Amino acid sequence: MITDVCNMAVHVVCGVNLDGKREVLAIEPMYEESETSYTALFERLKKRGLKNVWLVVSDAHQGLISAVQKSFVGCSWQRCKVHFMRNILAYIPAKEKETFAAKLKQIWEQPDYQSAKCYAELLSEEYQARYPKAIEVLMNGLEDSLQYYEFPEIDPGKISSTNILERLNKEIRRRSKVVGIFPSMDSYLRLISCYLMEYAEDWETSRCYIRKEILQQILARKKAA
C-alpha cells in the first residue's frame, strides 16, 4: 500500500484583549503562505468580532504585511526585532557576529524612538564600509522594527518581537514530533488545540500580560486623536 505523506503548517494567532490578557485567536490549517491566505484569516477573525487592532507583530513576510495593511486600516505593523536581527547578521562573518550583534541589539534598548534612530545611524556609519549589505538591510527595515515606540506605556519586550508565539511554536513542534505522522489534518489540529487550550487557561488565571489601566490609557488617547 502506498501512502502519501505531506507537510502541513497551521496559522496560530495570539492577541492581547483590553483586559490585558493574552488569548489564542486562531488555529487554522495553512495551505499556502500568501497574502490571500492571511487576508482570509484576518477577515474570519473580524467576522468573529476582532476589532481595535493597534499593532500586529510578525516577521517580514510580504504577503502577511500586505494583508495586515488591507485588513486593519490604521494599524501599525511591528517587524519582529529578533527575526530582523537574524536577517542582518546573515551578512556578518561568523567571527564578527558576537561583537556586531551586541552593538546591534542596543538599537532596540534605547529609551525612545529618536535615540534608537540616532544609534542606528551611528552604527551604520561605523560599519558601512565593512558590511555594506548588512547595513543596507538594517536601514531598509529599521523603521518597521521601531513601531513599538508608538506605545511608550508598554514594556517594549512584550510588543517588539514574536517571542510569545515562538514559545508556543516550539512546544507545538515538540509535541507533534512525538507523534510523527498524523492520520489527518483534523487529528493534528485536535492535538494542537488541546495543548493551546491549556496555555489559554493558564493565561486567563495568571497576571495580566499588559496592565488593563495602561491599555485604557492608550484607548483614550486613540479616541481623542
N, C-alpha and C. Protein backbone atom coordinates (compact mmCIF):
# COMPACT_ATOMS: atom_id res chain seq x y z
N MET A 1 0.86 -1.19 0.00
CA MET A 1 0.00 0.00 0.00
C MET A 1 0.89 1.24 0.00
N ILE A 2 0.57 2.17 -0.85
CA ILE A 2 1.32 3.42 -0.93
C ILE A 2 0.55 4.50 -0.20
N THR A 3 1.21 5.16 0.72
CA THR A 3 0.58 6.23 1.50
C THR A 3 1.26 7.55 1.20
N ASP A 4 0.46 8.54 0.84
CA ASP A 4 1.02 9.87 0.60
C ASP A 4 1.16 10.61 1.93
N VAL A 5 2.32 11.19 2.13
CA VAL A 5 2.56 11.98 3.33
C VAL A 5 2.94 13.39 2.89
N CYS A 6 2.27 14.38 3.44
CA CYS A 6 2.59 15.76 3.08
C CYS A 6 2.81 16.59 4.33
N ASN A 7 3.66 17.59 4.18
CA ASN A 7 3.92 18.52 5.27
C ASN A 7 2.81 19.57 5.30
N MET A 8 2.42 19.96 6.48
CA MET A 8 1.37 20.96 6.61
C MET A 8 1.67 21.83 7.83
N ALA A 9 1.42 23.12 7.70
CA ALA A 9 1.60 24.04 8.82
C ALA A 9 0.24 24.61 9.21
N VAL A 10 0.22 25.33 10.31
CA VAL A 10 -1.02 25.95 10.76
C VAL A 10 -0.76 27.42 11.11
N HIS A 11 -1.81 28.23 10.93
CA HIS A 11 -1.78 29.60 11.42
C HIS A 11 -2.10 29.55 12.92
N VAL A 12 -1.28 30.15 13.73
CA VAL A 12 -1.59 30.35 15.15
C VAL A 12 -1.51 31.85 15.40
N VAL A 13 -2.63 32.43 15.82
CA VAL A 13 -2.69 33.88 16.05
C VAL A 13 -2.98 34.11 17.53
N CYS A 14 -2.18 34.95 18.16
CA CYS A 14 -2.40 35.32 19.56
C CYS A 14 -2.62 36.82 19.65
N GLY A 15 -3.33 37.23 20.67
CA GLY A 15 -3.57 38.65 20.87
C GLY A 15 -3.70 38.98 22.34
N VAL A 16 -3.79 40.27 22.62
CA VAL A 16 -4.00 40.75 23.99
C VAL A 16 -5.28 41.57 23.98
N ASN A 17 -6.23 41.19 24.85
CA ASN A 17 -7.51 41.91 24.88
C ASN A 17 -7.40 43.15 25.77
N LEU A 18 -8.48 43.92 25.85
CA LEU A 18 -8.46 45.18 26.59
C LEU A 18 -8.38 44.98 28.10
N ASP A 19 -8.53 43.76 28.55
CA ASP A 19 -8.31 43.45 29.97
C ASP A 19 -6.85 43.11 30.23
N GLY A 20 -6.04 43.13 29.17
CA GLY A 20 -4.62 42.86 29.33
C GLY A 20 -4.26 41.39 29.32
N LYS A 21 -5.23 40.52 29.00
CA LYS A 21 -4.99 39.09 29.00
C LYS A 21 -4.65 38.59 27.59
N ARG A 22 -3.75 37.63 27.52
CA ARG A 22 -3.40 37.01 26.24
C ARG A 22 -4.48 36.01 25.84
N GLU A 23 -4.74 35.92 24.55
CA GLU A 23 -5.71 34.97 24.03
C GLU A 23 -5.16 34.31 22.77
N VAL A 24 -5.54 33.05 22.57
CA VAL A 24 -5.30 32.39 21.29
C VAL A 24 -6.50 32.70 20.41
N LEU A 25 -6.29 33.40 19.32
CA LEU A 25 -7.38 33.89 18.48
C LEU A 25 -7.72 32.95 17.33
N ALA A 26 -6.74 32.18 16.86
CA ALA A 26 -7.00 31.30 15.72
C ALA A 26 -5.99 30.17 15.67
N ILE A 27 -6.49 29.01 15.25
CA ILE A 27 -5.65 27.84 14.94
C ILE A 27 -6.24 27.25 13.66
N GLU A 28 -5.60 27.51 12.54
CA GLU A 28 -6.16 27.09 11.26
C GLU A 28 -5.10 26.49 10.36
N PRO A 29 -5.47 25.53 9.50
CA PRO A 29 -4.51 24.97 8.53
C PRO A 29 -3.97 26.06 7.62
N MET A 30 -2.71 25.98 7.27
CA MET A 30 -2.10 26.94 6.37
C MET A 30 -1.71 26.20 5.09
N TYR A 31 -2.58 26.27 4.09
CA TYR A 31 -2.33 25.57 2.84
C TYR A 31 -1.29 26.28 1.99
N GLU A 32 -1.18 27.59 2.17
CA GLU A 32 -0.15 28.36 1.50
C GLU A 32 0.10 29.63 2.30
N GLU A 33 1.33 30.10 2.27
CA GLU A 33 1.68 31.33 2.98
C GLU A 33 1.67 32.46 1.98
N SER A 34 0.51 33.12 1.88
CA SER A 34 0.34 34.15 0.87
C SER A 34 -0.54 35.27 1.41
N GLU A 35 -0.56 36.38 0.69
CA GLU A 35 -1.43 37.49 1.07
C GLU A 35 -2.89 37.04 1.12
N THR A 36 -3.28 36.21 0.17
CA THR A 36 -4.67 35.73 0.11
C THR A 36 -5.04 34.93 1.35
N SER A 37 -4.16 34.01 1.75
CA SER A 37 -4.47 33.17 2.91
C SER A 37 -4.50 33.99 4.20
N TYR A 38 -3.57 34.94 4.32
CA TYR A 38 -3.56 35.78 5.52
C TYR A 38 -4.78 36.70 5.56
N THR A 39 -5.13 37.27 4.42
CA THR A 39 -6.30 38.15 4.37
C THR A 39 -7.56 37.39 4.74
N ALA A 40 -7.70 36.18 4.22
CA ALA A 40 -8.87 35.36 4.56
C ALA A 40 -8.92 35.07 6.05
N LEU A 41 -7.76 34.78 6.63
CA LEU A 41 -7.70 34.52 8.07
C LEU A 41 -8.14 35.75 8.86
N PHE A 42 -7.64 36.91 8.50
CA PHE A 42 -7.98 38.13 9.22
C PHE A 42 -9.46 38.48 9.06
N GLU A 43 -10.00 38.23 7.87
CA GLU A 43 -11.41 38.53 7.66
C GLU A 43 -12.30 37.62 8.51
N ARG A 44 -11.89 36.38 8.67
CA ARG A 44 -12.66 35.47 9.54
C ARG A 44 -12.59 35.95 11.00
N LEU A 45 -11.44 36.43 11.41
CA LEU A 45 -11.30 36.94 12.77
C LEU A 45 -12.18 38.17 12.98
N LYS A 46 -12.24 39.03 11.98
CA LYS A 46 -13.08 40.23 12.09
C LYS A 46 -14.56 39.86 12.17
N LYS A 47 -14.96 38.85 11.42
CA LYS A 47 -16.36 38.41 11.47
C LYS A 47 -16.70 37.84 12.84
N ARG A 48 -15.70 37.28 13.51
CA ARG A 48 -15.91 36.73 14.85
C ARG A 48 -15.87 37.81 15.93
N GLY A 49 -15.58 39.05 15.53
CA GLY A 49 -15.63 40.15 16.48
C GLY A 49 -14.33 40.87 16.76
N LEU A 50 -13.25 40.50 16.09
CA LEU A 50 -11.98 41.16 16.31
C LEU A 50 -12.04 42.60 15.79
N LYS A 51 -11.66 43.55 16.63
CA LYS A 51 -11.64 44.95 16.23
C LYS A 51 -10.63 45.70 17.10
N ASN A 52 -10.43 46.97 16.78
CA ASN A 52 -9.49 47.80 17.53
C ASN A 52 -8.08 47.19 17.58
N VAL A 53 -7.60 46.75 16.42
CA VAL A 53 -6.25 46.21 16.35
C VAL A 53 -5.27 47.37 16.20
N TRP A 54 -4.42 47.55 17.19
CA TRP A 54 -3.49 48.68 17.19
C TRP A 54 -2.14 48.31 16.61
N LEU A 55 -1.70 47.09 16.86
CA LEU A 55 -0.35 46.71 16.47
C LEU A 55 -0.32 45.22 16.15
N VAL A 56 0.27 44.87 15.02
CA VAL A 56 0.49 43.47 14.66
C VAL A 56 2.00 43.24 14.63
N VAL A 57 2.45 42.21 15.34
CA VAL A 57 3.88 41.89 15.40
C VAL A 57 4.11 40.58 14.65
N SER A 58 5.03 40.59 13.70
CA SER A 58 5.29 39.39 12.90
C SER A 58 6.66 39.48 12.27
N ASP A 59 7.01 38.42 11.53
CA ASP A 59 8.22 38.52 10.70
C ASP A 59 7.86 39.30 9.44
N ALA A 60 8.80 39.39 8.52
CA ALA A 60 8.62 40.30 7.38
C ALA A 60 8.11 39.61 6.12
N HIS A 61 7.24 38.63 6.25
CA HIS A 61 6.66 38.00 5.06
C HIS A 61 5.79 39.04 4.34
N GLN A 62 6.07 39.29 3.07
CA GLN A 62 5.41 40.37 2.36
C GLN A 62 3.90 40.17 2.25
N GLY A 63 3.49 38.92 2.06
CA GLY A 63 2.06 38.66 1.97
C GLY A 63 1.34 38.99 3.27
N LEU A 64 1.97 38.68 4.38
CA LEU A 64 1.39 38.99 5.69
C LEU A 64 1.31 40.49 5.91
N ILE A 65 2.37 41.19 5.56
CA ILE A 65 2.38 42.65 5.72
C ILE A 65 1.24 43.29 4.91
N SER A 66 1.10 42.86 3.67
CA SER A 66 0.05 43.42 2.80
C SER A 66 -1.33 43.12 3.36
N ALA A 67 -1.51 41.92 3.89
CA ALA A 67 -2.81 41.54 4.45
C ALA A 67 -3.13 42.38 5.68
N VAL A 68 -2.15 42.65 6.50
CA VAL A 68 -2.35 43.49 7.69
C VAL A 68 -2.77 44.89 7.27
N GLN A 69 -2.08 45.45 6.28
CA GLN A 69 -2.38 46.80 5.83
C GLN A 69 -3.78 46.92 5.25
N LYS A 70 -4.23 45.88 4.56
CA LYS A 70 -5.56 45.91 3.95
C LYS A 70 -6.66 45.59 4.95
N SER A 71 -6.39 44.71 5.88
CA SER A 71 -7.43 44.23 6.79
C SER A 71 -7.62 45.11 8.01
N PHE A 72 -6.55 45.76 8.46
CA PHE A 72 -6.62 46.56 9.69
C PHE A 72 -6.14 47.97 9.41
N VAL A 73 -7.01 48.76 8.81
CA VAL A 73 -6.66 50.13 8.43
C VAL A 73 -6.32 50.94 9.69
N GLY A 74 -5.19 51.62 9.65
CA GLY A 74 -4.77 52.42 10.80
C GLY A 74 -3.93 51.66 11.80
N CYS A 75 -3.78 50.37 11.59
CA CYS A 75 -2.99 49.53 12.48
C CYS A 75 -1.50 49.65 12.13
N SER A 76 -0.65 49.65 13.15
CA SER A 76 0.80 49.66 12.91
C SER A 76 1.30 48.23 12.78
N TRP A 77 2.35 48.07 11.98
CA TRP A 77 2.98 46.75 11.86
C TRP A 77 4.38 46.80 12.44
N GLN A 78 4.65 45.95 13.41
CA GLN A 78 5.95 45.87 14.05
C GLN A 78 6.70 44.66 13.52
N ARG A 79 7.84 44.91 12.90
CA ARG A 79 8.69 43.82 12.45
C ARG A 79 9.42 43.22 13.65
N CYS A 80 9.28 41.94 13.85
CA CYS A 80 9.91 41.27 14.99
C CYS A 80 11.40 41.59 15.01
N LYS A 81 11.87 42.19 16.09
CA LYS A 81 13.27 42.60 16.15
C LYS A 81 14.22 41.40 16.17
N VAL A 82 13.77 40.27 16.70
CA VAL A 82 14.61 39.08 16.76
C VAL A 82 14.84 38.52 15.36
N HIS A 83 13.76 38.37 14.59
CA HIS A 83 13.88 37.91 13.21
C HIS A 83 14.72 38.90 12.38
N PHE A 84 14.49 40.18 12.64
CA PHE A 84 15.20 41.23 11.90
C PHE A 84 16.70 41.15 12.17
N MET A 85 17.08 40.96 13.42
CA MET A 85 18.50 40.84 13.75
C MET A 85 19.12 39.64 13.03
N ARG A 86 18.40 38.54 12.97
CA ARG A 86 18.92 37.37 12.26
C ARG A 86 19.13 37.67 10.78
N ASN A 87 18.20 38.41 10.18
CA ASN A 87 18.33 38.79 8.77
C ASN A 87 19.59 39.62 8.55
N ILE A 88 19.86 40.52 9.47
CA ILE A 88 21.04 41.39 9.35
C ILE A 88 22.32 40.60 9.58
N LEU A 89 22.32 39.77 10.62
CA LEU A 89 23.53 39.03 10.99
C LEU A 89 23.92 37.98 9.96
N ALA A 90 23.00 37.64 9.06
CA ALA A 90 23.31 36.69 7.99
C ALA A 90 24.42 37.23 7.09
N TYR A 91 24.63 38.54 7.10
CA TYR A 91 25.65 39.15 6.24
C TYR A 91 26.92 39.55 7.02
N ILE A 92 27.02 39.05 8.24
CA ILE A 92 28.20 39.34 9.06
C ILE A 92 29.04 38.07 9.19
N PRO A 93 30.36 38.14 8.99
CA PRO A 93 31.22 36.96 9.13
C PRO A 93 31.08 36.33 10.51
N ALA A 94 31.21 35.03 10.57
CA ALA A 94 31.00 34.29 11.83
C ALA A 94 31.85 34.83 12.97
N LYS A 95 33.09 35.15 12.69
CA LYS A 95 33.98 35.58 13.77
C LYS A 95 33.63 36.97 14.30
N GLU A 96 32.80 37.71 13.56
CA GLU A 96 32.43 39.06 13.98
C GLU A 96 30.99 39.14 14.50
N LYS A 97 30.24 38.06 14.38
CA LYS A 97 28.81 38.10 14.71
C LYS A 97 28.55 38.54 16.15
N GLU A 98 29.27 37.96 17.10
CA GLU A 98 29.00 38.24 18.51
C GLU A 98 29.21 39.72 18.83
N THR A 99 30.31 40.28 18.36
CA THR A 99 30.60 41.69 18.63
C THR A 99 29.58 42.60 17.96
N PHE A 100 29.30 42.31 16.69
CA PHE A 100 28.34 43.15 15.96
C PHE A 100 26.93 43.01 16.55
N ALA A 101 26.54 41.79 16.92
CA ALA A 101 25.21 41.56 17.48
C ALA A 101 25.01 42.33 18.78
N ALA A 102 26.04 42.40 19.60
CA ALA A 102 25.94 43.13 20.86
C ALA A 102 25.67 44.61 20.61
N LYS A 103 26.33 45.17 19.60
CA LYS A 103 26.09 46.58 19.25
C LYS A 103 24.72 46.76 18.60
N LEU A 104 24.38 45.83 17.73
CA LEU A 104 23.10 45.91 17.03
C LEU A 104 21.93 45.89 18.00
N LYS A 105 22.02 45.04 18.99
CA LYS A 105 20.94 44.89 19.99
C LYS A 105 20.64 46.20 20.71
N GLN A 106 21.66 47.04 20.82
CA GLN A 106 21.49 48.30 21.55
C GLN A 106 20.47 49.23 20.88
N ILE A 107 20.23 49.04 19.60
CA ILE A 107 19.25 49.89 18.90
C ILE A 107 17.91 49.81 19.59
N TRP A 108 17.48 48.60 19.89
CA TRP A 108 16.14 48.38 20.44
C TRP A 108 16.09 48.45 21.96
N GLU A 109 17.20 48.86 22.55
CA GLU A 109 17.23 49.07 24.00
C GLU A 109 17.33 50.55 24.36
N GLN A 110 17.22 51.41 23.34
CA GLN A 110 17.25 52.85 23.58
C GLN A 110 15.94 53.30 24.23
N PRO A 111 15.97 54.40 24.97
CA PRO A 111 14.79 54.83 25.72
C PRO A 111 13.64 55.40 24.87
N ASP A 112 13.95 55.84 23.65
CA ASP A 112 12.88 56.40 22.82
C ASP A 112 13.24 56.25 21.33
N TYR A 113 12.27 56.61 20.51
CA TYR A 113 12.40 56.44 19.06
C TYR A 113 13.59 57.19 18.48
N GLN A 114 13.72 58.46 18.84
CA GLN A 114 14.80 59.28 18.27
C GLN A 114 16.17 58.75 18.67
N SER A 115 16.30 58.30 19.90
CA SER A 115 17.57 57.73 20.36
C SER A 115 17.91 56.48 19.58
N ALA A 116 16.90 55.65 19.32
CA ALA A 116 17.11 54.42 18.55
C ALA A 116 17.56 54.75 17.13
N LYS A 117 16.91 55.74 16.52
CA LYS A 117 17.29 56.15 15.16
C LYS A 117 18.72 56.68 15.12
N CYS A 118 19.07 57.50 16.09
CA CYS A 118 20.41 58.08 16.12
C CYS A 118 21.47 57.00 16.32
N TYR A 119 21.18 56.05 17.21
CA TYR A 119 22.15 54.98 17.45
C TYR A 119 22.34 54.14 16.19
N ALA A 120 21.23 53.84 15.51
CA ALA A 120 21.30 53.05 14.27
C ALA A 120 22.13 53.76 13.21
N GLU A 121 21.97 55.07 13.12
CA GLU A 121 22.74 55.84 12.14
C GLU A 121 24.23 55.83 12.47
N LEU A 122 24.57 55.91 13.76
CA LEU A 122 25.97 55.84 14.17
C LEU A 122 26.56 54.47 13.85
N LEU A 123 25.77 53.43 14.11
CA LEU A 123 26.22 52.08 13.80
C LEU A 123 26.42 51.91 12.30
N SER A 124 25.53 52.50 11.54
CA SER A 124 25.62 52.44 10.08
C SER A 124 26.90 53.09 9.59
N GLU A 125 27.20 54.27 10.13
CA GLU A 125 28.42 54.98 9.73
C GLU A 125 29.67 54.18 10.08
N GLU A 126 29.63 53.51 11.23
CA GLU A 126 30.80 52.75 11.68
C GLU A 126 31.08 51.53 10.82
N TYR A 127 30.01 50.87 10.33
CA TYR A 127 30.19 49.59 9.65
C TYR A 127 29.84 49.59 8.16
N GLN A 128 29.46 50.73 7.63
CA GLN A 128 29.04 50.79 6.23
C GLN A 128 30.09 50.25 5.29
N ALA A 129 31.32 50.63 5.49
CA ALA A 129 32.39 50.22 4.58
C ALA A 129 32.71 48.73 4.71
N ARG A 130 32.61 48.20 5.91
CA ARG A 130 32.98 46.80 6.15
C ARG A 130 31.85 45.84 5.78
N TYR A 131 30.62 46.19 6.14
CA TYR A 131 29.49 45.27 5.91
C TYR A 131 28.34 46.01 5.24
N PRO A 132 28.53 46.43 3.99
CA PRO A 132 27.50 47.24 3.32
C PRO A 132 26.15 46.57 3.19
N LYS A 133 26.13 45.25 2.92
CA LYS A 133 24.86 44.57 2.75
C LYS A 133 24.09 44.50 4.07
N ALA A 134 24.79 44.21 5.15
CA ALA A 134 24.14 44.16 6.47
C ALA A 134 23.55 45.52 6.83
N ILE A 135 24.29 46.57 6.56
CA ILE A 135 23.82 47.92 6.87
C ILE A 135 22.64 48.30 5.97
N GLU A 136 22.68 47.85 4.73
CA GLU A 136 21.55 48.10 3.82
C GLU A 136 20.28 47.46 4.35
N VAL A 137 20.38 46.22 4.78
CA VAL A 137 19.21 45.52 5.34
C VAL A 137 18.72 46.24 6.60
N LEU A 138 19.66 46.64 7.44
CA LEU A 138 19.30 47.35 8.67
C LEU A 138 18.53 48.62 8.39
N MET A 139 19.07 49.46 7.54
CA MET A 139 18.44 50.77 7.31
C MET A 139 17.13 50.66 6.54
N ASN A 140 17.05 49.67 5.65
CA ASN A 140 15.79 49.49 4.90
C ASN A 140 14.65 49.02 5.79
N GLY A 141 14.97 48.26 6.82
CA GLY A 141 13.91 47.71 7.69
C GLY A 141 13.80 48.36 9.04
N LEU A 142 14.66 49.33 9.31
CA LEU A 142 14.72 49.92 10.65
C LEU A 142 13.39 50.49 11.11
N GLU A 143 12.76 51.29 10.27
CA GLU A 143 11.53 51.97 10.67
C GLU A 143 10.46 50.97 11.12
N ASP A 144 10.33 49.89 10.39
CA ASP A 144 9.31 48.88 10.73
C ASP A 144 9.62 48.18 12.05
N SER A 145 10.89 48.17 12.44
CA SER A 145 11.26 47.49 13.68
C SER A 145 11.14 48.40 14.91
N LEU A 146 10.76 49.66 14.69
CA LEU A 146 10.68 50.63 15.79
C LEU A 146 9.25 51.06 16.11
N GLN A 147 8.28 50.38 15.56
CA GLN A 147 6.90 50.82 15.73
C GLN A 147 6.40 50.69 17.17
N TYR A 148 7.03 49.84 17.94
CA TYR A 148 6.59 49.68 19.33
C TYR A 148 6.79 50.95 20.15
N TYR A 149 7.63 51.86 19.68
CA TYR A 149 7.82 53.13 20.38
C TYR A 149 6.57 54.00 20.35
N GLU A 150 5.60 53.66 19.50
CA GLU A 150 4.33 54.39 19.49
C GLU A 150 3.53 54.11 20.76
N PHE A 151 3.94 53.09 21.50
CA PHE A 151 3.24 52.71 22.71
C PHE A 151 4.22 52.72 23.89
N PRO A 152 4.70 53.92 24.27
CA PRO A 152 5.73 54.02 25.32
C PRO A 152 5.26 53.51 26.68
N GLU A 153 3.94 53.41 26.86
CA GLU A 153 3.43 52.94 28.15
C GLU A 153 3.66 51.44 28.36
N ILE A 154 3.90 50.71 27.27
CA ILE A 154 4.00 49.25 27.34
C ILE A 154 5.47 48.83 27.36
N ASP A 155 5.77 47.83 28.16
CA ASP A 155 7.11 47.25 28.20
C ASP A 155 7.50 46.81 26.79
N PRO A 156 8.57 47.37 26.22
CA PRO A 156 8.95 47.03 24.84
C PRO A 156 9.16 45.54 24.61
N GLY A 157 9.65 44.82 25.62
CA GLY A 157 9.89 43.40 25.47
C GLY A 157 8.64 42.60 25.16
N LYS A 158 7.47 43.18 25.41
CA LYS A 158 6.22 42.46 25.21
C LYS A 158 5.61 42.69 23.83
N ILE A 159 6.08 43.73 23.12
CA ILE A 159 5.45 44.04 21.83
C ILE A 159 6.46 44.28 20.71
N SER A 160 7.74 44.03 20.96
CA SER A 160 8.75 44.29 19.92
C SER A 160 9.19 43.03 19.20
N SER A 161 8.70 41.87 19.63
CA SER A 161 9.09 40.62 18.98
C SER A 161 7.94 39.62 19.07
N THR A 162 8.12 38.50 18.39
CA THR A 162 7.10 37.45 18.40
C THR A 162 7.45 36.35 19.40
N ASN A 163 8.14 36.69 20.46
CA ASN A 163 8.59 35.69 21.43
C ASN A 163 7.44 34.87 22.00
N ILE A 164 6.30 35.51 22.22
CA ILE A 164 5.15 34.80 22.76
C ILE A 164 4.72 33.66 21.83
N LEU A 165 4.77 33.92 20.52
CA LEU A 165 4.41 32.89 19.54
C LEU A 165 5.52 31.86 19.38
N GLU A 166 6.74 32.32 19.44
CA GLU A 166 7.87 31.40 19.27
C GLU A 166 7.87 30.33 20.34
N ARG A 167 7.51 30.71 21.56
CA ARG A 167 7.45 29.72 22.65
C ARG A 167 6.36 28.69 22.38
N LEU A 168 5.22 29.17 21.89
CA LEU A 168 4.13 28.25 21.55
C LEU A 168 4.54 27.32 20.41
N ASN A 169 5.14 27.88 19.39
CA ASN A 169 5.54 27.08 18.23
C ASN A 169 6.57 26.02 18.61
N LYS A 170 7.48 26.38 19.48
CA LYS A 170 8.50 25.43 19.92
C LYS A 170 7.86 24.24 20.62
N GLU A 171 6.87 24.53 21.46
CA GLU A 171 6.20 23.45 22.18
C GLU A 171 5.31 22.63 21.25
N ILE A 172 4.68 23.29 20.26
CA ILE A 172 3.88 22.56 19.28
C ILE A 172 4.74 21.58 18.51
N ARG A 173 5.92 22.05 18.07
CA ARG A 173 6.83 21.16 17.35
C ARG A 173 7.28 19.98 18.22
N ARG A 174 7.54 20.26 19.48
CA ARG A 174 7.98 19.20 20.38
C ARG A 174 6.90 18.14 20.55
N ARG A 175 5.68 18.58 20.75
CA ARG A 175 4.59 17.64 20.99
C ARG A 175 4.21 16.87 19.72
N SER A 176 4.21 17.55 18.59
CA SER A 176 3.84 16.87 17.35
C SER A 176 4.93 15.90 16.90
N LYS A 177 6.18 16.20 17.26
CA LYS A 177 7.29 15.32 16.89
C LYS A 177 7.16 13.96 17.55
N VAL A 178 6.57 13.94 18.73
CA VAL A 178 6.37 12.67 19.45
C VAL A 178 5.47 11.74 18.65
N VAL A 179 4.45 12.32 18.01
CA VAL A 179 3.51 11.53 17.22
C VAL A 179 4.12 11.16 15.87
N GLY A 180 4.82 12.12 15.27
CA GLY A 180 5.43 11.87 13.97
C GLY A 180 4.48 12.17 12.84
N ILE A 181 3.85 11.14 12.29
CA ILE A 181 2.92 11.30 11.18
C ILE A 181 1.49 11.20 11.69
N PHE A 182 0.67 12.20 11.36
CA PHE A 182 -0.73 12.22 11.77
C PHE A 182 -1.59 11.64 10.66
N PRO A 183 -2.66 10.93 11.02
CA PRO A 183 -3.52 10.33 10.00
C PRO A 183 -4.32 11.35 9.21
N SER A 184 -4.53 12.55 9.80
CA SER A 184 -5.30 13.58 9.10
C SER A 184 -4.99 14.94 9.69
N MET A 185 -5.37 15.99 8.95
CA MET A 185 -5.19 17.34 9.45
C MET A 185 -6.03 17.56 10.71
N ASP A 186 -7.24 16.98 10.73
CA ASP A 186 -8.10 17.15 11.90
C ASP A 186 -7.44 16.62 13.17
N SER A 187 -6.77 15.49 13.05
CA SER A 187 -6.12 14.92 14.24
C SER A 187 -4.97 15.82 14.71
N TYR A 188 -4.26 16.41 13.75
CA TYR A 188 -3.18 17.33 14.09
C TYR A 188 -3.73 18.56 14.80
N LEU A 189 -4.81 19.11 14.25
CA LEU A 189 -5.42 20.30 14.84
C LEU A 189 -5.98 20.01 16.23
N ARG A 190 -6.52 18.81 16.43
CA ARG A 190 -7.05 18.47 17.75
C ARG A 190 -5.94 18.46 18.79
N LEU A 191 -4.79 17.88 18.43
CA LEU A 191 -3.68 17.85 19.36
C LEU A 191 -3.21 19.26 19.71
N ILE A 192 -3.02 20.09 18.67
CA ILE A 192 -2.56 21.45 18.90
C ILE A 192 -3.59 22.25 19.71
N SER A 193 -4.86 22.07 19.38
CA SER A 193 -5.92 22.81 20.08
C SER A 193 -5.95 22.45 21.56
N CYS A 194 -5.82 21.17 21.86
CA CYS A 194 -5.83 20.73 23.26
C CYS A 194 -4.66 21.35 24.02
N TYR A 195 -3.52 21.37 23.39
CA TYR A 195 -2.34 21.95 24.02
C TYR A 195 -2.52 23.45 24.24
N LEU A 196 -3.01 24.16 23.21
CA LEU A 196 -3.17 25.60 23.33
C LEU A 196 -4.27 25.98 24.30
N MET A 197 -5.26 25.12 24.46
CA MET A 197 -6.29 25.37 25.47
C MET A 197 -5.69 25.39 26.87
N GLU A 198 -4.69 24.53 27.09
CA GLU A 198 -4.00 24.53 28.39
C GLU A 198 -3.32 25.88 28.61
N TYR A 199 -2.65 26.37 27.56
CA TYR A 199 -1.99 27.66 27.68
C TYR A 199 -3.01 28.77 27.92
N ALA A 200 -4.12 28.74 27.18
CA ALA A 200 -5.14 29.78 27.31
C ALA A 200 -5.71 29.82 28.72
N GLU A 201 -5.90 28.66 29.30
CA GLU A 201 -6.42 28.60 30.68
C GLU A 201 -5.42 29.19 31.66
N ASP A 202 -4.14 28.90 31.43
CA ASP A 202 -3.10 29.48 32.29
C ASP A 202 -3.06 30.99 32.15
N TRP A 203 -3.19 31.48 30.92
CA TRP A 203 -3.18 32.92 30.69
C TRP A 203 -4.35 33.61 31.37
N GLU A 204 -5.51 32.94 31.35
CA GLU A 204 -6.72 33.52 31.91
C GLU A 204 -6.60 33.69 33.42
N THR A 205 -5.92 32.78 34.08
CA THR A 205 -5.82 32.82 35.54
C THR A 205 -4.55 33.50 36.04
N SER A 206 -3.61 33.77 35.13
CA SER A 206 -2.36 34.40 35.53
C SER A 206 -2.49 35.92 35.55
N ARG A 207 -1.42 36.59 35.93
CA ARG A 207 -1.42 38.04 35.93
C ARG A 207 -1.57 38.57 34.50
N CYS A 208 -2.05 39.80 34.41
CA CYS A 208 -2.21 40.42 33.09
C CYS A 208 -0.87 40.52 32.38
N TYR A 209 -0.89 40.28 31.10
CA TYR A 209 0.32 40.43 30.28
C TYR A 209 0.67 41.90 30.17
N ILE A 210 -0.37 42.72 29.98
CA ILE A 210 -0.23 44.18 29.99
C ILE A 210 -1.32 44.72 30.91
N ARG A 211 -0.96 45.63 31.78
CA ARG A 211 -1.94 46.14 32.74
C ARG A 211 -3.13 46.79 32.04
N LYS A 212 -4.31 46.48 32.54
CA LYS A 212 -5.55 46.99 31.95
C LYS A 212 -5.57 48.51 31.93
N GLU A 213 -5.06 49.12 32.99
CA GLU A 213 -5.06 50.59 33.08
C GLU A 213 -4.25 51.21 31.94
N ILE A 214 -3.15 50.57 31.59
CA ILE A 214 -2.31 51.07 30.50
C ILE A 214 -3.06 51.00 29.17
N LEU A 215 -3.73 49.89 28.94
CA LEU A 215 -4.48 49.74 27.69
C LEU A 215 -5.63 50.74 27.61
N GLN A 216 -6.25 51.02 28.73
CA GLN A 216 -7.33 52.01 28.73
C GLN A 216 -6.80 53.41 28.45
N GLN A 217 -5.60 53.71 28.92
CA GLN A 217 -4.98 55.00 28.61
C GLN A 217 -4.71 55.13 27.12
N ILE A 218 -4.21 54.05 26.52
CA ILE A 218 -3.93 54.07 25.08
C ILE A 218 -5.23 54.21 24.30
N LEU A 219 -6.26 53.49 24.73
CA LEU A 219 -7.56 53.56 24.06
C LEU A 219 -8.10 54.97 24.09
N ALA A 220 -8.01 55.63 25.24
CA ALA A 220 -8.49 57.00 25.37
C ALA A 220 -7.68 57.94 24.48
N ARG A 221 -6.39 57.73 24.44
CA ARG A 221 -5.52 58.55 23.59
C ARG A 221 -5.89 58.41 22.12
N LYS A 222 -6.17 57.18 21.70
CA LYS A 222 -6.51 56.95 20.30
C LYS A 222 -7.88 57.54 19.96
N LYS A 223 -8.82 57.48 20.89
CA LYS A 223 -10.14 58.06 20.64
C LYS A 223 -10.07 59.57 20.54
N ALA A 224 -9.13 60.15 21.28
CA ALA A 224 -9.01 61.60 21.28
C ALA A 224 -8.23 62.12 20.07
N ALA A 225 -7.48 61.25 19.43
CA ALA A 225 -6.63 61.66 18.30
C ALA A 225 -7.47 62.06 17.09
